[in-house]
Amino acid sequence: MNDNFIISKPVSKDDFFQYFDLRWRILRKPLNQKKGSERDNLENNCHHICIKDQNSKIVAVGRIHFISNEKKQAQIRYMAVEEKFQKQGLGQKILNELEAIALLNNVGFIFLEARENAVEFYKKNGYSIKKKSHILYDLIQHWTMYKKI
């Protein structure tokens, strides 16, 4: 990742607008899903991370939330990178930041539901497939993956 990008947490109203808009455009719009489908009821209890370009435009996002149990687990969700910025290490940077947040919070185990086309990315980052999971909107196979940290 070059110096033209800044990793941060979305803070302002505009940050969150861009953050959710990117999630919708990359993860839901291609599946003909309505705005709002890129959110869930845990948004206020999560750590959100984004990467901005030199014009303060959000080009990559990701989220982690903690599972309240004695095993200290967390789930990563909604990883998305603007298409023209894919394959440039931004997803890697978001993932590293989310894992660092997990470590700071004494999480020992992270899981996620990876789309079929993202499985290799997560494998390269130390995640293992646990099982075949759901098919999102009857279109995209997901795999439950995990990593002990």
C-alpha atoms as a PDB file:
ATOM      1  CA  MET A   1       0.000   0.000   0.000  1.00  0.00           C
ATOM      2  CA  ASN A   2       1.466   3.352  -0.932  1.00  0.00           C
ATOM      3  CA  ASP A   3       1.467   6.565   1.071  1.00  0.00           C
ATOM      4  CA  ASN A   4      -1.573   7.941  -0.762  1.00  0.00           C
ATOM      5  CA  PHE A   5      -3.884   5.913   1.503  1.00  0.00           C
ATOM      6  CA  ILE A   6      -4.825   6.463   5.127  1.00  0.00           C
ATOM      7  CA  ILE A   7      -6.287   3.780   7.367  1.00  0.00           C
ATOM      8  CA  SER A   8      -8.684   5.043  10.039  1.00  0.00           C
ATOM      9  CA  LYS A   9     -12.013   4.582  11.713  1.00  0.00           C
ATOM     10  CA  PRO A  10     -15.008   6.277  10.129  1.00  0.00           C
ATOM     11  CA  VAL A  11     -15.951   9.152  12.421  1.00  0.00           C
ATOM     12  CA  SER A  12     -18.043  11.796  10.684  1.00  0.00           C
ATOM     13  CA  LYS A  13     -21.497  11.500   9.205  1.00  0.00           C
ATOM     14  CA  ASP A  14     -19.914  11.688   5.737  1.00  0.00           C
ATOM     15  CA  ASP A  15     -17.419   8.945   6.653  1.00  0.00           C
ATOM     16  CA  PHE A  16     -20.233   6.609   7.638  1.00  0.00           C
ATOM     17  CA  PHE A  17     -22.258   7.510   4.540  1.00  0.00           C
ATOM     18  CA  GLN A  18     -19.273   6.610   2.321  1.00  0.00           C
ATOM     19  CA  TYR A  19     -18.491   3.531   4.417  1.00  0.00           C
ATOM     20  CA  PHE A  20     -21.974   2.011   4.098  1.00  0.00           C
ATOM     21  CA  ASP A  21     -22.330   3.136   0.485  1.00  0.00           C
ATOM     22  CA  LEU A  22     -19.150   1.258  -0.464  1.00  0.00           C
ATOM     23  CA  ARG A  23     -20.364  -1.852   1.341  1.00  0.00           C
ATOM     24  CA  TRP A  24     -23.644  -1.686  -0.537  1.00  0.00           C
ATOM     25  CA  ARG A  25     -22.075  -0.994  -3.961  1.00  0.00           C
ATOM     26  CA  ILE A  26     -19.540  -3.841  -3.699  1.00  0.00           C
ATOM     27  CA  LEU A  27     -21.385  -6.456  -1.644  1.00  0.00           C
ATOM     28  CA  ARG A  28     -25.095  -5.971  -2.311  1.00  0.00           C
ATOM     29  CA  LYS A  29     -25.854  -3.897  -5.420  1.00  0.00           C
ATOM     30  CA  PRO A  30     -24.396  -6.532  -7.813  1.00  0.00           C
ATOM     31  CA  LEU A  31     -26.862  -8.989  -6.232  1.00  0.00           C
ATOM     32  CA  ASN A  32     -29.787  -6.608  -6.850  1.00  0.00           C
ATOM     33  CA  GLN A  33     -30.233  -5.919  -3.146  1.00  0.00           C
ATOM     34  CA  LYS A  34     -31.704  -2.691  -1.799  1.00  0.00           C
ATOM     35  CA  LYS A  35     -29.834  -0.071   0.188  1.00  0.00           C
ATOM     36  CA  GLY A  36     -29.996  -1.058   3.826  1.00  0.00           C
ATOM     37  CA  SER A  37     -29.165  -4.694   3.113  1.00  0.00           C
ATOM     38  CA  GLU A  38     -25.497  -3.843   3.765  1.00  0.00           C
ATOM     39  CA  ARG A  39     -26.227  -3.229   7.451  1.00  0.00           C
ATOM     40  CA  ASP A  40     -27.266  -5.361  10.391  1.00  0.00           C
ATOM     41  CA  ASN A  41     -28.350  -4.861  13.983  1.00  0.00           C
ATOM     42  CA  LEU A  42     -24.774  -4.984  15.355  1.00  0.00           C
ATOM     43  CA  GLU A  43     -23.394  -1.862  13.652  1.00  0.00           C
ATOM     44  CA  ASN A  44     -23.310   0.195  16.865  1.00  0.00           C
ATOM     45  CA  ASN A  45     -21.365  -2.511  18.729  1.00  0.00           C
ATOM     46  CA  CYS A  46     -18.550  -3.022  16.211  1.00  0.00           C
ATOM     47  CA  HIS A  47     -15.160  -1.699  15.287  1.00  0.00           C
ATOM     48  CA  HIS A  48     -15.299  -0.232  11.794  1.00  0.00           C
ATOM     49  CA  ILE A  49     -12.147   0.347   9.745  1.00  0.00           C
ATOM     50  CA  CYS A  50     -11.748   2.166   6.447  1.00  0.00           C
ATOM     51  CA  ILE A  51      -9.042   3.260   4.065  1.00  0.00           C
ATOM     52  CA  LYS A  52      -9.246   6.669   2.401  1.00  0.00           C
ATOM     53  CA  ASP A  53      -7.464   7.827  -0.722  1.00  0.00           C
ATOM     54  CA  GLN A  54      -5.673  11.191  -1.058  1.00  0.00           C
ATOM     55  CA  ASN A  55      -9.046  12.872  -1.686  1.00  0.00           C
ATOM     56  CA  SER A  56     -10.553  11.488   1.558  1.00  0.00           C
ATOM     57  CA  LYS A  57     -12.725   9.083  -0.419  1.00  0.00           C
ATOM     58  CA  ILE A  58     -13.275   5.752   1.324  1.00  0.00           C
ATOM     59  CA  VAL A  59     -12.003   2.953  -0.921  1.00  0.00           C
ATOM     60  CA  ALA A  60     -11.888  -0.058   1.450  1.00  0.00           C
ATOM     61  CA  VAL A  61     -13.831  -1.125   4.539  1.00  0.00           C
ATOM     62  CA  GLY A  62     -14.171  -3.904   7.085  1.00  0.00           C
ATOM     63  CA  ARG A  63     -15.715  -4.601  10.458  1.00  0.00           C
ATOM     64  CA  ILE A  64     -15.138  -6.757  13.516  1.00  0.00           C
ATOM     65  CA  HIS A  65     -17.444  -7.495  16.410  1.00  0.00           C
ATOM     66  CA  PHE A  66     -16.957  -9.571  19.515  1.00  0.00           C
ATOM     67  CA  ILE A  67     -18.955 -12.622  20.487  1.00  0.00           C
ATOM     68  CA  SER A  68     -19.727 -12.568  24.181  1.00  0.00           C
ATOM     69  CA  ASN A  69     -18.683 -15.922  25.528  1.00  0.00           C
ATOM     70  CA  GLU A  70     -15.817 -17.360  27.529  1.00  0.00           C
ATOM     71  CA  LYS A  71     -13.860 -18.340  24.399  1.00  0.00           C
ATOM     72  CA  LYS A  72     -13.122 -14.720  23.446  1.00  0.00           C
ATOM     73  CA  GLN A  73     -14.268 -14.930  19.822  1.00  0.00           C
ATOM     74  CA  ALA A  74     -14.735 -12.255  17.179  1.00  0.00           C
ATOM     75  CA  GLN A  75     -16.274 -12.185  13.726  1.00  0.00           C
ATOM     76  CA  ILE A  76     -15.040 -10.201  10.736  1.00  0.00           C
ATOM     77  CA  ARG A  77     -17.716  -9.116   8.303  1.00  0.00           C
ATOM     78  CA  TYR A  78     -18.403  -6.827   5.372  1.00  0.00           C
ATOM     79  CA  MET A  79     -14.899  -6.627   3.905  1.00  0.00           C
ATOM     80  CA  ALA A  80     -15.042  -4.625   0.664  1.00  0.00           C
ATOM     81  CA  VAL A  81     -12.574  -2.828  -1.587  1.00  0.00           C
ATOM     82  CA  GLU A  82     -13.502  -0.419  -4.391  1.00  0.00           C
ATOM     83  CA  GLU A  83     -13.062  -2.357  -7.643  1.00  0.00           C
ATOM     84  CA  LYS A  84     -10.354  -0.146  -9.144  1.00  0.00           C
ATOM     85  CA  PHE A  85      -8.292  -0.509  -5.935  1.00  0.00           C
ATOM     86  CA  GLN A  86      -8.527  -4.290  -5.624  1.00  0.00           C
ATOM     87  CA  LYS A  87      -5.314  -6.372  -5.778  1.00  0.00           C
ATOM     88  CA  GLN A  88      -3.289  -3.488  -4.277  1.00  0.00           C
ATOM     89  CA  GLY A  89      -3.028  -4.735  -0.687  1.00  0.00           C
ATOM     90  CA  LEU A  90      -5.881  -2.682   0.770  1.00  0.00           C
ATOM     91  CA  GLY A  91      -7.892  -5.730   1.840  1.00  0.00           C
ATOM     92  CA  GLN A  92      -4.759  -7.066   3.523  1.00  0.00           C
ATOM     93  CA  LYS A  93      -4.317  -3.767   5.375  1.00  0.00           C
ATOM     94  CA  ILE A  94      -7.947  -3.793   6.580  1.00  0.00           C
ATOM     95  CA  LEU A  95      -7.655  -7.428   7.696  1.00  0.00           C
ATOM     96  CA  ASN A  96      -4.411  -6.721   9.592  1.00  0.00           C
ATOM     97  CA  GLU A  97      -6.019  -3.783  11.376  1.00  0.00           C
ATOM     98  CA  LEU A  98      -9.091  -5.820  12.355  1.00  0.00           C
ATOM     99  CA  GLU A  99      -6.879  -8.617  13.684  1.00  0.00           C
ATOM    100  CA  ALA A 100      -4.855  -6.062  15.684  1.00  0.00           C
ATOM    101  CA  ILE A 101      -8.097  -4.827  17.277  1.00  0.00           C
ATOM    102  CA  ALA A 102      -8.935  -8.433  18.157  1.00  0.00           C
ATOM    103  CA  LEU A 103      -5.541  -8.933  19.797  1.00  0.00           C
ATOM    104  CA  LEU A 104      -5.893  -5.712  21.805  1.00  0.00           C
ATOM    105  CA  ASN A 105      -9.193  -7.072  23.116  1.00  0.00           C
ATOM    106  CA  ASN A 106      -7.734 -10.465  24.092  1.00  0.00           C
ATOM    107  CA  VAL A 107      -9.579 -12.342  21.370  1.00  0.00           C
ATOM    108  CA  GLY A 108      -8.145 -15.782  20.733  1.00  0.00           C
ATOM    109  CA  PHE A 109     -10.260 -16.900  17.800  1.00  0.00           C
ATOM    110  CA  ILE A 110     -11.635 -15.057  14.737  1.00  0.00           C
ATOM    111  CA  PHE A 111     -14.186 -16.484  12.333  1.00  0.00           C
ATOM    112  CA  LEU A 112     -15.811 -15.212   9.175  1.00  0.00           C
ATOM    113  CA  GLU A 113     -18.093 -16.261   6.346  1.00  0.00           C
ATOM    114  CA  ALA A 114     -16.010 -15.967   3.169  1.00  0.00           C
ATOM    115  CA  ARG A 115     -17.473 -15.727  -0.281  1.00  0.00           C
ATOM    116  CA  GLU A 116     -16.221 -18.384  -2.661  1.00  0.00           C
ATOM    117  CA  ASN A 117     -14.028 -15.847  -4.496  1.00  0.00           C
ATOM    118  CA  ALA A 118     -12.360 -14.676  -1.247  1.00  0.00           C
ATOM    119  CA  VAL A 119     -11.423 -18.072   0.226  1.00  0.00           C
ATOM    120  CA  GLU A 120      -7.879 -18.026  -1.168  1.00  0.00           C
ATOM    121  CA  PHE A 121      -7.273 -14.510   0.198  1.00  0.00           C
ATOM    122  CA  TYR A 122      -8.192 -15.644   3.695  1.00  0.00           C
ATOM    123  CA  LYS A 123      -6.195 -18.876   3.373  1.00  0.00           C
ATOM    124  CA  LYS A 124      -3.099 -16.799   2.510  1.00  0.00           C
ATOM    125  CA  ASN A 125      -3.734 -14.911   5.745  1.00  0.00           C
ATOM    126  CA  GLY A 126      -3.825 -17.974   7.967  1.00  0.00           C
ATOM    127  CA  TYR A 127      -7.537 -18.762   7.978  1.00  0.00           C
ATOM    128  CA  SER A 128      -8.734 -22.351   7.640  1.00  0.00           C
ATOM    129  CA  ILE A 129     -12.001 -23.627   6.243  1.00  0.00           C
ATOM    130  CA  LYS A 130     -14.222 -25.078   8.926  1.00  0.00           C
ATOM    131  CA  LYS A 131     -17.232 -25.944   6.776  1.00  0.00           C
ATOM    132  CA  LYS A 132     -19.315 -25.111   3.741  1.00  0.00           C
ATOM    133  CA  SER A 133     -21.822 -22.487   4.834  1.00  0.00           C
ATOM    134  CA  HIS A 134     -24.845 -20.688   3.419  1.00  0.00           C
ATOM    135  CA  ILE A 135     -25.542 -19.526  -0.130  1.00  0.00           C
ATOM    136  CA  LEU A 136     -26.174 -15.776   0.006  1.00  0.00           C
ATOM    137  CA  TYR A 137     -29.348 -14.781  -1.859  1.00  0.00           C
ATOM    138  CA  ASP A 138     -29.270 -18.213  -3.534  1.00  0.00           C
ATOM    139  CA  LEU A 139     -26.282 -16.972  -5.570  1.00  0.00           C
ATOM    140  CA  ILE A 140     -22.969 -16.946  -3.703  1.00  0.00           C
ATOM    141  CA  GLN A 141     -21.538 -19.887  -1.771  1.00  0.00           C
ATOM    142  CA  HIS A 142     -19.940 -18.977   1.557  1.00  0.00           C
ATOM    143  CA  TRP A 143     -17.436 -20.872   3.684  1.00  0.00           C
ATOM    144  CA  THR A 144     -17.032 -20.615   7.454  1.00  0.00           C
ATOM    145  CA  MET A 145     -13.368 -19.916   8.106  1.00  0.00           C
ATOM    146  CA  TYR A 146     -11.432 -19.384  11.323  1.00  0.00           C
ATOM    147  CA  LYS A 147      -8.061 -18.357  12.664  1.00  0.00           C
ATOM    148  CA  LYS A 148      -6.557 -18.722  16.099  1.00  0.00           C
ATOM    149  CA  ILE A 149      -4.646 -15.576  16.994  1.00  0.00           C
END
